[in-house]
PDB file of all heavy atoms in Angstrom:
ATOM      1  N   SER A   1     -17.257 -45.012   2.449  1.00  0.00           N
ATOM      2  CA  SER A   1     -16.444 -45.622   3.502  1.00  0.00           C
ATOM      3  C   SER A   1     -15.072 -44.967   3.561  1.00  0.00           C
ATOM      4  O   SER A   1     -14.622 -44.335   2.588  1.00  0.00           O
ATOM      5  CB  SER A   1     -16.290 -47.116   3.247  1.00  0.00           C
ATOM      6  OG  SER A   1     -15.463 -47.344   2.113  1.00  0.00           O
ATOM      7  N   PRO A   2     -14.366 -45.104   4.701  1.00  0.00           N
ATOM      8  CA  PRO A   2     -13.005 -44.561   4.791  1.00  0.00           C
ATOM      9  C   PRO A   2     -12.081 -45.095   3.697  1.00  0.00           C
ATOM     10  O   PRO A   2     -11.266 -44.350   3.155  1.00  0.00           O
ATOM     11  CB  PRO A   2     -12.538 -45.016   6.181  1.00  0.00           C
ATOM     12  CG  PRO A   2     -13.809 -45.148   6.972  1.00  0.00           C
ATOM     13  CD  PRO A   2     -14.836 -45.624   5.995  1.00  0.00           C
ATOM     14  N   LEU A   3     -12.224 -46.383   3.366  1.00  0.00           N
ATOM     15  CA  LEU A   3     -11.387 -46.963   2.317  1.00  0.00           C
ATOM     16  C   LEU A   3     -11.614 -46.264   0.983  1.00  0.00           C
ATOM     17  O   LEU A   3     -10.664 -45.972   0.245  1.00  0.00           O
ATOM     18  CB  LEU A   3     -11.680 -48.457   2.184  1.00  0.00           C
ATOM     19  CG  LEU A   3     -10.932 -49.200   1.057  1.00  0.00           C
ATOM     20  CD1 LEU A   3      -9.421 -49.117   1.279  1.00  0.00           C
ATOM     21  CD2 LEU A   3     -11.395 -50.644   0.968  1.00  0.00           C
ATOM     22  N   GLU A   4     -12.864 -45.971   0.672  1.00  0.00           N
ATOM     23  CA  GLU A   4     -13.188 -45.308  -0.594  1.00  0.00           C
ATOM     24  C   GLU A   4     -12.670 -43.874  -0.626  1.00  0.00           C
ATOM     25  O   GLU A   4     -12.234 -43.398  -1.673  1.00  0.00           O
ATOM     26  CB  GLU A   4     -14.699 -45.351  -0.811  1.00  0.00           C
ATOM     27  CG  GLU A   4     -15.220 -46.761  -1.069  1.00  0.00           C
ATOM     28  CD  GLU A   4     -16.694 -46.919  -0.758  1.00  0.00           C
ATOM     29  OE1 GLU A   4     -17.324 -45.960  -0.258  1.00  0.00           O
ATOM     30  OE2 GLU A   4     -17.239 -48.022  -1.007  1.00  0.00           O
ATOM     31  N   ILE A   5     -12.706 -43.200   0.517  1.00  0.00           N
ATOM     32  CA  ILE A   5     -12.157 -41.842   0.597  1.00  0.00           C
ATOM     33  C   ILE A   5     -10.658 -41.869   0.328  1.00  0.00           C
ATOM     34  O   ILE A   5     -10.120 -41.066  -0.447  1.00  0.00           O
ATOM     35  CB  ILE A   5     -12.458 -41.226   1.980  1.00  0.00           C
ATOM     36  CG1 ILE A   5     -13.959 -40.999   2.153  1.00  0.00           C
ATOM     37  CG2 ILE A   5     -11.700 -39.908   2.156  1.00  0.00           C
ATOM     38  CD1 ILE A   5     -14.354 -40.530   3.534  1.00  0.00           C
ATOM     39  N   VAL A   6      -9.965 -42.811   0.971  1.00  0.00           N
ATOM     40  CA  VAL A   6      -8.518 -42.921   0.797  1.00  0.00           C
ATOM     41  C   VAL A   6      -8.175 -43.250  -0.648  1.00  0.00           C
ATOM     42  O   VAL A   6      -7.268 -42.647  -1.240  1.00  0.00           O
ATOM     43  CB  VAL A   6      -7.939 -43.983   1.756  1.00  0.00           C
ATOM     44  CG1 VAL A   6      -6.461 -44.219   1.449  1.00  0.00           C
ATOM     45  CG2 VAL A   6      -8.115 -43.552   3.197  1.00  0.00           C
ATOM     46  N   ILE A   7      -8.902 -44.198  -1.248  1.00  0.00           N
ATOM     47  CA  ILE A   7      -8.619 -44.580  -2.635  1.00  0.00           C
ATOM     48  C   ILE A   7      -8.804 -43.386  -3.566  1.00  0.00           C
ATOM     49  O   ILE A   7      -7.994 -43.150  -4.476  1.00  0.00           O
ATOM     50  CB  ILE A   7      -9.528 -45.749  -3.073  1.00  0.00           C
ATOM     51  CG1 ILE A   7      -9.154 -47.021  -2.317  1.00  0.00           C
ATOM     52  CG2 ILE A   7      -9.410 -45.988  -4.579  1.00  0.00           C
ATOM     53  CD1 ILE A   7     -10.076 -48.189  -2.588  1.00  0.00           C
ATOM     54  N   GLY A   8      -9.872 -42.608  -3.356  1.00  0.00           N
ATOM     55  CA  GLY A   8     -10.133 -41.453  -4.212  1.00  0.00           C
ATOM     56  C   GLY A   8      -9.044 -40.400  -4.116  1.00  0.00           C
ATOM     57  O   GLY A   8      -8.477 -39.975  -5.139  1.00  0.00           O
ATOM     58  N   TYR A   9      -8.730 -39.974  -2.894  1.00  0.00           N
ATOM     59  CA  TYR A   9      -7.750 -38.905  -2.710  1.00  0.00           C
ATOM     60  C   TYR A   9      -6.324 -39.366  -3.030  1.00  0.00           C
ATOM     61  O   TYR A   9      -5.578 -38.683  -3.735  1.00  0.00           O
ATOM     62  CB  TYR A   9      -7.806 -38.372  -1.269  1.00  0.00           C
ATOM     63  CG  TYR A   9      -8.934 -37.412  -1.021  1.00  0.00           C
ATOM     64  CD1 TYR A   9     -10.041 -37.783  -0.260  1.00  0.00           C
ATOM     65  CD2 TYR A   9      -8.904 -36.115  -1.542  1.00  0.00           C
ATOM     66  CE1 TYR A   9     -11.091 -36.897  -0.027  1.00  0.00           C
ATOM     67  CE2 TYR A   9      -9.937 -35.224  -1.306  1.00  0.00           C
ATOM     68  CZ  TYR A   9     -11.035 -35.629  -0.555  1.00  0.00           C
ATOM     69  OH  TYR A   9     -12.068 -34.742  -0.334  1.00  0.00           O
ATOM     70  N   VAL A  10      -5.942 -40.517  -2.490  1.00  0.00           N
ATOM     71  CA  VAL A  10      -4.579 -41.013  -2.700  1.00  0.00           C
ATOM     72  C   VAL A  10      -4.381 -41.430  -4.158  1.00  0.00           C
ATOM     73  O   VAL A  10      -3.309 -41.197  -4.740  1.00  0.00           O
ATOM     74  CB  VAL A  10      -4.286 -42.181  -1.739  1.00  0.00           C
ATOM     75  CG1 VAL A  10      -2.956 -42.842  -2.083  1.00  0.00           C
ATOM     76  CG2 VAL A  10      -4.269 -41.689  -0.304  1.00  0.00           C
ATOM     77  N   GLY A  11      -5.404 -42.031  -4.767  1.00  0.00           N
ATOM     78  CA  GLY A  11      -5.295 -42.422  -6.166  1.00  0.00           C
ATOM     79  C   GLY A  11      -5.062 -41.237  -7.079  1.00  0.00           C
ATOM     80  O   GLY A  11      -4.230 -41.294  -8.000  1.00  0.00           O
ATOM     81  N   ALA A  12      -5.768 -40.136  -6.813  1.00  0.00           N
ATOM     82  CA  ALA A  12      -5.587 -38.932  -7.629  1.00  0.00           C
ATOM     83  C   ALA A  12      -4.198 -38.331  -7.417  1.00  0.00           C
ATOM     84  O   ALA A  12      -3.520 -37.936  -8.377  1.00  0.00           O
ATOM     85  CB  ALA A  12      -6.662 -37.907  -7.299  1.00  0.00           C
ATOM     86  N   ALA A  13      -3.760 -38.262  -6.165  1.00  0.00           N
ATOM     87  CA  ALA A  13      -2.435 -37.698  -5.872  1.00  0.00           C
ATOM     88  C   ALA A  13      -1.340 -38.535  -6.522  1.00  0.00           C
ATOM     89  O   ALA A  13      -0.394 -37.999  -7.119  1.00  0.00           O
ATOM     90  CB  ALA A  13      -2.214 -37.624  -4.363  1.00  0.00           C
ATOM     91  N   ALA A  14      -1.457 -39.864  -6.428  1.00  0.00           N
ATOM     92  CA  ALA A  14      -0.456 -40.741  -7.035  1.00  0.00           C
ATOM     93  C   ALA A  14      -0.476 -40.630  -8.558  1.00  0.00           C
ATOM     94  O   ALA A  14       0.588 -40.648  -9.201  1.00  0.00           O
ATOM     95  CB  ALA A  14      -0.696 -42.187  -6.598  1.00  0.00           C
ATOM     96  N   SER A  15      -1.656 -40.503  -9.142  1.00  0.00           N
ATOM     97  CA  SER A  15      -1.758 -40.375 -10.601  1.00  0.00           C
ATOM     98  C   SER A  15      -1.054 -39.118 -11.090  1.00  0.00           C
ATOM     99  O   SER A  15      -0.312 -39.140 -12.086  1.00  0.00           O
ATOM    100  CB  SER A  15      -3.226 -40.353 -11.035  1.00  0.00           C
ATOM    101  OG  SER A  15      -3.872 -41.566 -10.714  1.00  0.00           O
ATOM    102  N   LYS A  16      -1.281 -38.000 -10.387  1.00  0.00           N
ATOM    103  CA  LYS A  16      -0.636 -36.747 -10.783  1.00  0.00           C
ATOM    104  C   LYS A  16       0.885 -36.843 -10.638  1.00  0.00           C
ATOM    105  O   LYS A  16       1.637 -36.345 -11.491  1.00  0.00           O
ATOM    106  CB  LYS A  16      -1.191 -35.594  -9.938  1.00  0.00           C
ATOM    107  CG  LYS A  16      -2.621 -35.222 -10.306  1.00  0.00           C
ATOM    108  CD  LYS A  16      -3.107 -33.999  -9.553  1.00  0.00           C
ATOM    109  CE  LYS A  16      -3.563 -34.351  -8.159  1.00  0.00           C
ATOM    110  NZ  LYS A  16      -4.206 -33.204  -7.476  1.00  0.00           N
ATOM    111  N   SER A  17       1.343 -37.500  -9.580  1.00  0.00           N
ATOM    112  CA  SER A  17       2.779 -37.639  -9.371  1.00  0.00           C
ATOM    113  C   SER A  17       3.408 -38.531 -10.430  1.00  0.00           C
ATOM    114  O   SER A  17       4.511 -38.260 -10.908  1.00  0.00           O
ATOM    115  CB  SER A  17       3.048 -38.223  -7.977  1.00  0.00           C
ATOM    116  OG  SER A  17       2.517 -37.385  -6.973  1.00  0.00           O
ATOM    117  N   LEU A  18       2.702 -39.594 -10.810  1.00  0.00           N
ATOM    118  CA  LEU A  18       3.215 -40.486 -11.852  1.00  0.00           C
ATOM    119  C   LEU A  18       3.315 -39.761 -13.191  1.00  0.00           C
ATOM    120  O   LEU A  18       4.302 -39.933 -13.926  1.00  0.00           O
ATOM    121  CB  LEU A  18       2.310 -41.711 -11.975  1.00  0.00           C
ATOM    122  CG  LEU A  18       2.433 -42.761 -10.865  1.00  0.00           C
ATOM    123  CD1 LEU A  18       1.343 -43.819 -11.005  1.00  0.00           C
ATOM    124  CD2 LEU A  18       3.803 -43.409 -10.905  1.00  0.00           C
ATOM    125  N   MET A  19       2.307 -38.969 -13.519  1.00  0.00           N
ATOM    126  CA  MET A  19       2.362 -38.199 -14.757  1.00  0.00           C
ATOM    127  C   MET A  19       3.571 -37.265 -14.750  1.00  0.00           C
ATOM    128  O   MET A  19       4.294 -37.144 -15.752  1.00  0.00           O
ATOM    129  CB  MET A  19       1.070 -37.401 -14.952  1.00  0.00           C
ATOM    130  CG  MET A  19      -0.130 -38.233 -15.334  1.00  0.00           C
ATOM    131  SD  MET A  19      -1.542 -37.235 -15.864  1.00  0.00           S
ATOM    132  CE  MET A  19      -1.851 -36.244 -14.400  1.00  0.00           C
ATOM    133  N   LEU A  20       3.794 -36.615 -13.613  1.00  0.00           N
ATOM    134  CA  LEU A  20       4.929 -35.704 -13.499  1.00  0.00           C
ATOM    135  C   LEU A  20       6.245 -36.461 -13.628  1.00  0.00           C
ATOM    136  O   LEU A  20       7.174 -36.006 -14.303  1.00  0.00           O
ATOM    137  CB  LEU A  20       4.866 -34.968 -12.161  1.00  0.00           C
ATOM    138  CG  LEU A  20       6.000 -33.981 -11.873  1.00  0.00           C
ATOM    139  CD1 LEU A  20       6.003 -32.870 -12.909  1.00  0.00           C
ATOM    140  CD2 LEU A  20       5.858 -33.409 -10.472  1.00  0.00           C
ATOM    141  N   GLY A  21       6.341 -37.636 -12.990  1.00  0.00           N
ATOM    142  CA  GLY A  21       7.559 -38.433 -13.081  1.00  0.00           C
ATOM    143  C   GLY A  21       7.879 -38.838 -14.510  1.00  0.00           C
ATOM    144  O   GLY A  21       9.031 -38.785 -14.940  1.00  0.00           O
ATOM    145  N   LEU A  22       6.856 -39.221 -15.267  1.00  0.00           N
ATOM    146  CA  LEU A  22       7.066 -39.606 -16.664  1.00  0.00           C
ATOM    147  C   LEU A  22       7.474 -38.403 -17.512  1.00  0.00           C
ATOM    148  O   LEU A  22       8.310 -38.526 -18.418  1.00  0.00           O
ATOM    149  CB  LEU A  22       5.796 -40.246 -17.218  1.00  0.00           C
ATOM    150  CG  LEU A  22       5.401 -41.588 -16.584  1.00  0.00           C
ATOM    151  CD1 LEU A  22       4.060 -42.069 -17.134  1.00  0.00           C
ATOM    152  CD2 LEU A  22       6.478 -42.639 -16.828  1.00  0.00           C
ATOM    153  N   ILE A  23       6.884 -37.244 -17.223  1.00  0.00           N
ATOM    154  CA  ILE A  23       7.266 -36.032 -17.953  1.00  0.00           C
ATOM    155  C   ILE A  23       8.724 -35.679 -17.677  1.00  0.00           C
ATOM    156  O   ILE A  23       9.478 -35.305 -18.592  1.00  0.00           O
ATOM    157  CB  ILE A  23       6.346 -34.849 -17.571  1.00  0.00           C
ATOM    158  CG1 ILE A  23       4.924 -35.090 -18.091  1.00  0.00           C
ATOM    159  CG2 ILE A  23       6.885 -33.542 -18.128  1.00  0.00           C
ATOM    160  CD1 ILE A  23       3.912 -34.082 -17.610  1.00  0.00           C
ATOM    161  N   ILE A  24       9.148 -35.830 -16.420  1.00  0.00           N
ATOM    162  CA  ILE A  24      10.540 -35.526 -16.064  1.00  0.00           C
ATOM    163  C   ILE A  24      11.491 -36.517 -16.727  1.00  0.00           C
ATOM    164  O   ILE A  24      12.580 -36.141 -17.191  1.00  0.00           O
ATOM    165  CB  ILE A  24      10.702 -35.537 -14.537  1.00  0.00           C
ATOM    166  CG1 ILE A  24       9.982 -34.324 -13.937  1.00  0.00           C
ATOM    167  CG2 ILE A  24      12.177 -35.525 -14.138  1.00  0.00           C
ATOM    168  CD1 ILE A  24       9.963 -34.296 -12.438  1.00  0.00           C
ATOM    169  N   LEU A  25      11.091 -37.790 -16.811  1.00  0.00           N
ATOM    170  CA  LEU A  25      11.922 -38.770 -17.507  1.00  0.00           C
ATOM    171  C   LEU A  25      12.092 -38.387 -18.982  1.00  0.00           C
ATOM    172  O   LEU A  25      13.193 -38.471 -19.537  1.00  0.00           O
ATOM    173  CB  LEU A  25      11.291 -40.158 -17.408  1.00  0.00           C
ATOM    174  CG  LEU A  25      11.615 -40.985 -16.166  1.00  0.00           C
ATOM    175  CD1 LEU A  25      10.851 -42.304 -16.186  1.00  0.00           C
ATOM    176  CD2 LEU A  25      13.109 -41.242 -16.060  1.00  0.00           C
ATOM    177  N   ALA A  26      10.985 -37.965 -19.603  1.00  0.00           N
ATOM    178  CA  ALA A  26      11.053 -37.547 -21.002  1.00  0.00           C
ATOM    179  C   ALA A  26      11.922 -36.302 -21.150  1.00  0.00           C
ATOM    180  O   ALA A  26      12.700 -36.179 -22.115  1.00  0.00           O
ATOM    181  CB  ALA A  26       9.648 -37.280 -21.534  1.00  0.00           C
ATOM    182  N   THR A  27      11.827 -35.374 -20.181  1.00  0.00           N
ATOM    183  CA  THR A  27      12.643 -34.162 -20.219  1.00  0.00           C
ATOM    184  C   THR A  27      14.119 -34.491 -20.065  1.00  0.00           C
ATOM    185  O   THR A  27      14.985 -33.883 -20.717  1.00  0.00           O
ATOM    186  CB  THR A  27      12.201 -33.193 -19.105  1.00  0.00           C
ATOM    187  OG1 THR A  27      10.808 -32.911 -19.226  1.00  0.00           O
ATOM    188  CG2 THR A  27      12.991 -31.898 -19.169  1.00  0.00           C
ATOM    189  N   ALA A  28      14.417 -35.476 -19.200  1.00  0.00           N
ATOM    190  CA  ALA A  28      15.810 -35.857 -18.967  1.00  0.00           C
ATOM    191  C   ALA A  28      16.477 -36.365 -20.228  1.00  0.00           C
ATOM    192  O   ALA A  28      17.685 -36.155 -20.440  1.00  0.00           O
ATOM    193  CB  ALA A  28      15.881 -36.918 -17.874  1.00  0.00           C
TER     194      ALA A  28
END
């Protein structure tokens, strides 16, 4: 379904961004 497509793609993009944000916080 469209909802499942959005959850898959957006969930992965958000997960990668969150990991990067936490790494930057640790770097700071």
